[in-house]
C-alpha atoms as a PDB file:
ATOM      1  CA  MET A   1      11.317 -10.461   6.119  1.00  0.00           C
ATOM      2  CA  GLN A   2      13.754  -7.575   6.029  1.00  0.00           C
ATOM      3  CA  LYS A   3      13.503  -3.955   7.104  1.00  0.00           C
ATOM      4  CA  PHE A   4      14.257  -1.179   4.648  1.00  0.00           C
ATOM      5  CA  TRP A   5      15.045   2.504   4.922  1.00  0.00           C
ATOM      6  CA  GLN A   6      14.550   5.666   2.864  1.00  0.00           C
ATOM      7  CA  THR A   7      15.627   9.301   2.917  1.00  0.00           C
ATOM      8  CA  ASN A   8      13.076  10.789   0.506  1.00  0.00           C
ATOM      9  CA  TRP A   9       9.854  10.174  -1.387  1.00  0.00           C
ATOM     10  CA  PHE A  10       8.633  12.153  -4.408  1.00  0.00           C
ATOM     11  CA  ASP A  11      12.018  13.895  -4.133  1.00  0.00           C
ATOM     12  CA  ILE A  12      10.935  15.354  -0.803  1.00  0.00           C
ATOM     13  CA  GLU A  13      13.807  14.953   1.642  1.00  0.00           C
ATOM     14  CA  PHE A  14      12.564  13.661   4.975  1.00  0.00           C
ATOM     15  CA  SER A  15      15.264  15.627   6.792  1.00  0.00           C
ATOM     16  CA  SER A  16      13.594  18.847   5.587  1.00  0.00           C
ATOM     17  CA  PHE A  17      10.667  18.347   7.944  1.00  0.00           C
ATOM     18  CA  THR A  18      11.712  15.826  10.608  1.00  0.00           C
ATOM     19  CA  LYS A  19      14.604  14.032  12.252  1.00  0.00           C
ATOM     20  CA  LEU A  20      15.323  10.680  10.645  1.00  0.00           C
ATOM     21  CA  ASN A  21      15.006   7.595  12.830  1.00  0.00           C
ATOM     22  CA  SER A  22      16.585   4.347  11.650  1.00  0.00           C
ATOM     23  CA  THR A  23      14.986   2.221  14.382  1.00  0.00           C
ATOM     24  CA  LYS A  24      11.462   3.667  14.643  1.00  0.00           C
ATOM     25  CA  GLN A  25       9.162   3.206  11.667  1.00  0.00           C
ATOM     26  CA  ALA A  26       7.505   6.245  10.102  1.00  0.00           C
ATOM     27  CA  ASP A  27       4.248   6.824  11.994  1.00  0.00           C
ATOM     28  CA  GLU A  28       1.086   8.870  11.551  1.00  0.00           C
ATOM     29  CA  VAL A  29       2.773  12.086  12.682  1.00  0.00           C
ATOM     30  CA  PHE A  30       5.552  11.519  10.129  1.00  0.00           C
ATOM     31  CA  TYR A  31       3.062  10.955   7.293  1.00  0.00           C
ATOM     32  CA  GLU A  32       1.039  14.021   8.266  1.00  0.00           C
ATOM     33  CA  LYS A  33       4.197  16.140   8.028  1.00  0.00           C
ATOM     34  CA  PHE A  34       5.212  14.464   4.779  1.00  0.00           C
ATOM     35  CA  TYR A  35       1.878  15.042   3.067  1.00  0.00           C
ATOM     36  CA  THR A  36       1.850  18.649   4.207  1.00  0.00           C
ATOM     37  CA  GLU A  37       5.069  19.047   2.190  1.00  0.00           C
ATOM     38  CA  PHE A  38       3.654  16.899  -0.618  1.00  0.00           C
ATOM     39  CA  PHE A  39       0.716  19.245  -1.173  1.00  0.00           C
ATOM     40  CA  LYS A  40       3.006  22.248  -1.144  1.00  0.00           C
ATOM     41  CA  LYS A  41       4.848  20.671  -4.063  1.00  0.00           C
ATOM     42  CA  PHE A  42       1.906  19.241  -6.017  1.00  0.00           C
ATOM     43  CA  ASN A  43      -1.337  21.135  -6.584  1.00  0.00           C
ATOM     44  CA  SER A  44      -3.206  18.411  -8.473  1.00  0.00           C
ATOM     45  CA  TYR A  45      -2.875  14.915  -9.939  1.00  0.00           C
ATOM     46  CA  GLU A  46      -1.665  16.515 -13.150  1.00  0.00           C
ATOM     47  CA  ASP A  47       1.421  17.807 -11.325  1.00  0.00           C
ATOM     48  CA  LEU A  48       2.567  14.335 -10.259  1.00  0.00           C
ATOM     49  CA  PRO A  49       5.664  12.902 -11.997  1.00  0.00           C
ATOM     50  CA  GLU A  50       4.913  11.317 -15.357  1.00  0.00           C
ATOM     51  CA  GLN A  51       6.742   8.090 -14.471  1.00  0.00           C
ATOM     52  CA  TYR A  52       4.692   7.810 -11.280  1.00  0.00           C
ATOM     53  CA  LYS A  53       1.466   8.123 -13.247  1.00  0.00           C
ATOM     54  CA  LYS A  54       2.686   5.702 -15.909  1.00  0.00           C
ATOM     55  CA  ASP A  55       3.521   3.071 -13.281  1.00  0.00           C
ATOM     56  CA  LYS A  56       0.222   3.537 -11.477  1.00  0.00           C
ATOM     57  CA  ASN A  57      -1.733   3.302 -14.737  1.00  0.00           C
ATOM     58  CA  LEU A  58      -0.284  -0.180 -15.269  1.00  0.00           C
ATOM     59  CA  LEU A  59      -1.737  -1.163 -11.915  1.00  0.00           C
ATOM     60  CA  VAL A  60      -5.052   0.442 -12.826  1.00  0.00           C
ATOM     61  CA  ASP A  61      -5.298  -1.579 -16.046  1.00  0.00           C
ATOM     62  CA  PHE A  62      -4.433  -4.773 -14.182  1.00  0.00           C
ATOM     63  CA  ILE A  63      -7.051  -4.158 -11.490  1.00  0.00           C
ATOM     64  CA  LEU A  64      -9.701  -3.255 -14.069  1.00  0.00           C
ATOM     65  CA  GLU A  65      -9.124  -6.545 -15.872  1.00  0.00           C
ATOM     66  CA  LYS A  66      -9.650  -8.467 -12.639  1.00  0.00           C
ATOM     67  CA  ILE A  67     -12.790  -6.599 -11.535  1.00  0.00           C
ATOM     68  CA  LYS A  68     -14.618  -6.161 -14.848  1.00  0.00           C
ATOM     69  CA  ASP A  69     -17.478  -8.446 -13.769  1.00  0.00           C
ATOM     70  CA  TYR A  70     -17.848  -6.907 -10.308  1.00  0.00           C
ATOM     71  CA  ASN A  71     -20.137  -4.098  -9.182  1.00  0.00           C
ATOM     72  CA  LYS A  72     -18.816  -2.881  -5.843  1.00  0.00           C
ATOM     73  CA  GLY A  73     -15.287  -2.688  -4.474  1.00  0.00           C
ATOM     74  CA  LEU A  74     -13.159  -1.410  -1.638  1.00  0.00           C
ATOM     75  CA  ALA A  75      -9.731   0.238  -1.791  1.00  0.00           C
ATOM     76  CA  ILE A  76      -7.791  -0.153   1.455  1.00  0.00           C
ATOM     77  CA  GLY A  77      -5.178   2.536   2.107  1.00  0.00           C
ATOM     78  CA  CYS A  78      -5.768   4.723  -0.942  1.00  0.00           C
ATOM     79  CA  GLY A  79      -3.256   7.462  -0.105  1.00  0.00           C
ATOM     80  CA  ASN A  80      -3.590  10.407  -2.487  1.00  0.00           C
ATOM     81  CA  GLY A  81      -6.170   8.467  -4.515  1.00  0.00           C
ATOM     82  CA  TYR A  82      -4.608   8.559  -7.988  1.00  0.00           C
ATOM     83  CA  ILE A  83      -5.332   4.884  -8.663  1.00  0.00           C
ATOM     84  CA  GLU A  84      -8.926   5.206  -7.472  1.00  0.00           C
ATOM     85  CA  LYS A  85      -9.461   8.305  -9.614  1.00  0.00           C
ATOM     86  CA  GLU A  86      -8.348   6.392 -12.703  1.00  0.00           C
ATOM     87  CA  ILE A  87     -10.339   3.253 -11.873  1.00  0.00           C
ATOM     88  CA  ILE A  88     -13.600   5.093 -11.385  1.00  0.00           C
ATOM     89  CA  LYS A  89     -13.117   6.884 -14.738  1.00  0.00           C
ATOM     90  CA  LYS A  90     -13.052   3.536 -16.583  1.00  0.00           C
ATOM     91  CA  TRP A  91     -15.198   1.241 -14.431  1.00  0.00           C
ATOM     92  CA  GLY A  92     -18.944   1.490 -13.984  1.00  0.00           C
ATOM     93  CA  GLY A  93     -19.102   0.054 -10.462  1.00  0.00           C
ATOM     94  CA  GLU A  94     -19.296   1.605  -7.021  1.00  0.00           C
ATOM     95  CA  LEU A  95     -15.988   2.206  -5.246  1.00  0.00           C
ATOM     96  CA  MET A  96     -15.367   2.916  -1.578  1.00  0.00           C
ATOM     97  CA  ALA A  97     -11.893   4.039  -0.515  1.00  0.00           C
ATOM     98  CA  VAL A  98     -10.525   3.942   3.034  1.00  0.00           C
ATOM     99  CA  GLU A  99      -7.531   5.994   4.151  1.00  0.00           C
ATOM    100  CA  PRO A 100      -6.483   6.789   7.739  1.00  0.00           C
ATOM    101  CA  SER A 101      -4.697  10.045   6.924  1.00  0.00           C
ATOM    102  CA  LYS A 102      -6.872  13.130   6.565  1.00  0.00           C
ATOM    103  CA  VAL A 103      -3.950  15.027   5.061  1.00  0.00           C
ATOM    104  CA  ALA A 104      -3.011  12.370   2.462  1.00  0.00           C
ATOM    105  CA  SER A 105      -6.617  12.109   1.296  1.00  0.00           C
ATOM    106  CA  LYS A 106      -7.026  15.803   0.452  1.00  0.00           C
ATOM    107  CA  TRP A 107      -7.702  15.166  -3.245  1.00  0.00           C
ATOM    108  CA  ILE A 108      -9.657  11.912  -3.136  1.00  0.00           C
ATOM    109  CA  SER A 109     -11.957  13.183  -0.391  1.00  0.00           C
ATOM    110  CA  GLN A 110     -13.193  15.803  -2.880  1.00  0.00           C
ATOM    111  CA  ASN A 111     -14.024  13.242  -5.586  1.00  0.00           C
ATOM    112  CA  SER A 112     -17.814  12.889  -5.570  1.00  0.00           C
ATOM    113  CA  LYS A 113     -17.648   9.692  -7.655  1.00  0.00           C
ATOM    114  CA  ILE A 114     -15.806   7.820  -4.880  1.00  0.00           C
ATOM    115  CA  ASN A 115     -17.273   6.990  -1.490  1.00  0.00           C
ATOM    116  CA  PHE A 116     -14.351   8.086   0.649  1.00  0.00           C
ATOM    117  CA  VAL A 117     -14.066   7.075   4.308  1.00  0.00           C
ATOM    118  CA  ASN A 118     -11.418   8.426   6.647  1.00  0.00           C
ATOM    119  CA  GLY A 119     -10.230   5.740   9.067  1.00  0.00           C
ATOM    120  CA  TYR A 120      -8.977   2.184   9.314  1.00  0.00           C
ATOM    121  CA  PHE A 121     -10.440  -0.970   7.832  1.00  0.00           C
ATOM    122  CA  PRO A 122     -12.615  -2.604   9.072  1.00  0.00           C
ATOM    123  CA  ASN A 123     -13.634  -0.262  11.903  1.00  0.00           C
ATOM    124  CA  ALA A 124     -14.402   2.676   9.610  1.00  0.00           C
ATOM    125  CA  ILE A 125     -16.787   0.609   7.467  1.00  0.00           C
ATOM    126  CA  LYS A 126     -20.441   0.130   8.310  1.00  0.00           C
ATOM    127  CA  CYS A 127     -21.131  -3.511   9.110  1.00  0.00           C
ATOM    128  CA  ASN A 128     -23.900  -3.731   6.489  1.00  0.00           C
ATOM    129  CA  GLU A 129     -21.609  -2.774   3.574  1.00  0.00           C
ATOM    130  CA  ASN A 130     -21.035  -5.609   1.100  1.00  0.00           C
ATOM    131  CA  PHE A 131     -18.186  -5.747  -1.412  1.00  0.00           C
ATOM    132  CA  ASP A 132     -17.496  -7.996  -4.389  1.00  0.00           C
ATOM    133  CA  PHE A 133     -13.768  -7.419  -4.023  1.00  0.00           C
ATOM    134  CA  ALA A 134     -11.114  -5.340  -2.293  1.00  0.00           C
ATOM    135  CA  TYR A 135      -7.602  -4.310  -3.240  1.00  0.00           C
ATOM    136  CA  MET A 136      -4.561  -2.748  -1.643  1.00  0.00           C
ATOM    137  CA  CYS A 137      -1.692  -1.118  -3.562  1.00  0.00           C
ATOM    138  CA  TYR A 138       1.764  -0.402  -2.181  1.00  0.00           C
ATOM    139  CA  VAL A 139       0.627  -0.624   1.434  1.00  0.00           C
ATOM    140  CA  ASP A 140       1.862  -4.007   2.689  1.00  0.00           C
ATOM    141  CA  TYR A 141       5.311  -2.634   3.574  1.00  0.00           C
ATOM    142  CA  VAL A 142       3.953  -0.726   6.585  1.00  0.00           C
ATOM    143  CA  PHE A 143       2.880  -3.916   8.377  1.00  0.00           C
ATOM    144  CA  ASP A 144       4.982  -6.211  10.508  1.00  0.00           C
ATOM    145  CA  ASN A 145       3.984  -9.874  10.231  1.00  0.00           C
ATOM    146  CA  LYS A 146       1.498  -9.801  13.093  1.00  0.00           C
ATOM    147  CA  SER A 147      -0.412  -6.745  11.862  1.00  0.00           C
ATOM    148  CA  TYR A 148      -0.251  -8.003   8.258  1.00  0.00           C
ATOM    149  CA  ILE A 149      -1.917 -11.281   9.247  1.00  0.00           C
ATOM    150  CA  THR A 150      -4.546  -9.412  11.267  1.00  0.00           C
ATOM    151  CA  LEU A 151      -5.435  -7.192   8.302  1.00  0.00           C
ATOM    152  CA  LEU A 152      -5.735 -10.172   5.948  1.00  0.00           C
ATOM    153  CA  GLN A 153      -7.896 -12.040   8.449  1.00  0.00           C
ATOM    154  CA  ASN A 154     -10.155  -9.004   8.708  1.00  0.00           C
ATOM    155  CA  VAL A 155     -10.530  -8.942   4.922  1.00  0.00           C
ATOM    156  CA  LYS A 156     -11.173 -12.681   4.693  1.00  0.00           C
ATOM    157  CA  ASN A 157     -13.642 -12.773   7.562  1.00  0.00           C
ATOM    158  CA  TYR A 158     -15.504  -9.562   6.667  1.00  0.00           C
ATOM    159  CA  PRO A 159     -16.130 -11.427   4.313  1.00  0.00           C
ATOM    160  CA  ILE A 160     -14.617 -10.060   1.122  1.00  0.00           C
ATOM    161  CA  ASN A 161     -14.197 -13.034  -1.155  1.00  0.00           C
ATOM    162  CA  ASP A 162     -11.696 -11.649  -3.674  1.00  0.00           C
ATOM    163  CA  PHE A 163      -8.690  -9.644  -2.513  1.00  0.00           C
ATOM    164  CA  LEU A 164      -5.907  -8.180  -4.653  1.00  0.00           C
ATOM    165  CA  LEU A 165      -2.534  -7.122  -3.295  1.00  0.00           C
ATOM    166  CA  VAL A 166      -0.821  -5.104  -6.014  1.00  0.00           C
ATOM    167  CA  GLY A 167       2.646  -3.600  -5.829  1.00  0.00           C
ATOM    168  CA  VAL A 168       3.751  -5.777  -2.934  1.00  0.00           C
ATOM    169  CA  SER A 169       7.158  -4.924  -1.488  1.00  0.00           C
ATOM    170  CA  THR A 170       9.619  -7.709  -2.234  1.00  0.00           C
ATOM    171  CA  TYR A 171      13.289  -8.598  -2.178  1.00  0.00           C
ATOM    172  CA  SER A 172      15.375 -11.415  -3.651  1.00  0.00           C
ATOM    173  CA  PRO A 173      17.820 -12.714  -1.047  1.00  0.00           C
ATOM    174  CA  ASN A 174      21.376 -13.499  -2.057  1.00  0.00           C
ATOM    175  CA  LEU A 175      24.726 -13.414  -0.303  1.00  0.00           C
ATOM    176  CA  ILE A 176      25.707  -9.853  -1.229  1.00  0.00           C
ATOM    177  CA  GLN A 177      22.224  -8.488  -0.536  1.00  0.00           C
ATOM    178  CA  THR A 178      22.141 -10.226   2.858  1.00  0.00           C
ATOM    179  CA  ILE A 179      25.562  -8.855   3.824  1.00  0.00           C
ATOM    180  CA  LYS A 180      24.559  -5.303   2.881  1.00  0.00           C
ATOM    181  CA  TYR A 181      21.301  -5.641   4.797  1.00  0.00           C
ATOM    182  CA  ASN A 182      23.025  -6.884   7.952  1.00  0.00           C
ATOM    183  CA  ILE A 183      25.515  -4.011   7.794  1.00  0.00           C
ATOM    184  CA  LYS A 184      22.644  -1.488   7.550  1.00  0.00           C
ATOM    185  CA  LYS A 185      20.832  -3.240  10.382  1.00  0.00           C
ATOM    186  CA  LEU A 186      23.888  -3.088  12.655  1.00  0.00           C
ATOM    187  CA  LEU A 187      24.576   0.552  11.806  1.00  0.00           C
ATOM    188  CA  SER A 188      20.954   1.442  12.586  1.00  0.00           C
ATOM    189  CA  ILE A 189      21.113  -0.344  15.940  1.00  0.00           C
ATOM    190  CA  PHE A 190      24.187   1.640  16.963  1.00  0.00           C
ATOM    191  CA  GLY A 191      22.877   4.947  15.605  1.00  0.00           C
ATOM    192  CA  PHE A 192      25.252   5.300  12.660  1.00  0.00           C
ATOM    193  CA  PHE A 193      22.722   4.985   9.857  1.00  0.00           C
ATOM    194  CA  ASN A 194      21.018   8.272   9.040  1.00  0.00           C
ATOM    195  CA  GLN A 195      17.982   7.007   7.140  1.00  0.00           C
ATOM    196  CA  GLN A 196      14.316   6.642   8.038  1.00  0.00           C
ATOM    197  CA  LEU A 197      13.034   3.150   8.801  1.00  0.00           C
ATOM    198  CA  TRP A 198      10.333   2.838   6.146  1.00  0.00           C
ATOM    199  CA  GLY A 199       8.905  -0.648   6.501  1.00  0.00           C
ATOM    200  CA  TYR A 200       9.316  -4.294   5.592  1.00  0.00           C
ATOM    201  CA  LEU A 201      10.216  -6.311   2.512  1.00  0.00           C
ATOM    202  CA  ARG A 202       9.186  -9.923   1.975  1.00  0.00           C
ATOM    203  CA  THR A 203       9.875 -12.547  -0.624  1.00  0.00           C
ATOM    204  CA  ILE A 204       6.874 -13.764  -2.587  1.00  0.00           C
ATOM    205  CA  ASP A 205       7.010 -17.016  -0.606  1.00  0.00           C
ATOM    206  CA  GLU A 206       6.880 -15.011   2.620  1.00  0.00           C
ATOM    207  CA  HIS A 207       3.849 -13.092   1.338  1.00  0.00           C
ATOM    208  CA  LYS A 208       2.153 -16.378   0.430  1.00  0.00           C
ATOM    209  CA  ASN A 209       2.985 -17.786   3.857  1.00  0.00           C
ATOM    210  CA  ILE A 210       1.384 -14.756   5.518  1.00  0.00           C
ATOM    211  CA  LEU A 211      -1.762 -15.264   3.421  1.00  0.00           C
ATOM    212  CA  GLU A 212      -1.875 -18.906   4.430  1.00  0.00           C
ATOM    213  CA  LYS A 213      -1.519 -18.005   8.107  1.00  0.00           C
ATOM    214  CA  ALA A 214      -4.474 -15.649   7.641  1.00  0.00           C
ATOM    215  CA  GLY A 215      -6.509 -18.641   6.437  1.00  0.00           C
ATOM    216  CA  TYR A 216      -6.300 -18.407   2.660  1.00  0.00           C
ATOM    217  CA  THR A 217      -5.729 -21.498   0.527  1.00  0.00           C
ATOM    218  CA  ASN A 218      -6.741 -20.144  -2.891  1.00  0.00           C
ATOM    219  CA  ILE A 219      -3.739 -17.931  -3.693  1.00  0.00           C
ATOM    220  CA  ASP A 220      -2.408 -16.768  -7.048  1.00  0.00           C
ATOM    221  CA  PHE A 221       0.491 -14.444  -7.840  1.00  0.00           C
ATOM    222  CA  GLY A 222       2.352 -12.941 -10.759  1.00  0.00           C
ATOM    223  CA  GLN A 223       4.341 -10.020 -12.081  1.00  0.00           C
ATOM    224  CA  LEU A 224       3.421  -7.061 -14.279  1.00  0.00           C
ATOM    225  CA  LYS A 225       5.582  -6.048 -17.221  1.00  0.00           C
ATOM    226  CA  ASN A 226       7.251  -3.323 -15.158  1.00  0.00           C
ATOM    227  CA  GLY A 227       8.374  -5.905 -12.607  1.00  0.00           C
ATOM    228  CA  VAL A 228       5.718  -5.162  -9.997  1.00  0.00           C
ATOM    229  CA  PHE A 229       4.458  -8.228  -8.129  1.00  0.00           C
ATOM    230  CA  TRP A 230       0.856  -8.973  -7.247  1.00  0.00           C
ATOM    231  CA  LEU A 231      -1.006 -11.585  -5.234  1.00  0.00           C
ATOM    232  CA  ARG A 232      -4.660 -12.561  -5.328  1.00  0.00           C
ATOM    233  CA  ALA A 233      -6.427 -14.406  -2.521  1.00  0.00           C
ATOM    234  CA  LYS A 234      -9.952 -15.774  -2.675  1.00  0.00           C
ATOM    235  CA  ASN A 235     -12.234 -17.343  -0.133  1.00  0.00           C
ATOM    236  CA  ASP A 236     -12.964 -20.953  -1.107  1.00  0.00           C
END
């Protein structure tokens, strides 16, 4: 596992609303400030960058193919809800979406076709809710190994028998990449690296190992045509 850093997202410079911290990961307060700026810049899904929507639509098509025979699903960490909006347009099932940020969920919380819940999985979900599947897109990077395992165990033991991780954050280790990473790590430790600690990258084998530690044995993985990796874990 390796840490990684960023200075902007959606072309919104983090330094415009907060002080960058190379050793402390972006937290809830950071994301609240970010999404306040995000909604100043974008008024609707239509305003989002075309490449962003194109990339997300690939994920939508992939998820739809995997869930076509299911009737009820759960999206964990839905963010602004673009993926969920597109899924529910093309899929006849019932979708619940969970997102801890009230600010990030401004748009999806207004979508009457999606059962939106503000909070964290599994605590925000009623214990009598049953799901055929769950998925999580571009969220794994926020978790260190311990919290990642805990989340996966919560999904497995809920139980949700089919879980998709799409858009997992990965890296391919090699000598040059490792040297560059260690330089960034040292600079951040000594306060000479002016970027925001964003989260964690893992190799596919490290992702699989985390799933196994959470108790999964039925694990599949692959790559979409745009290079995005996915993993699928099922209860036996």
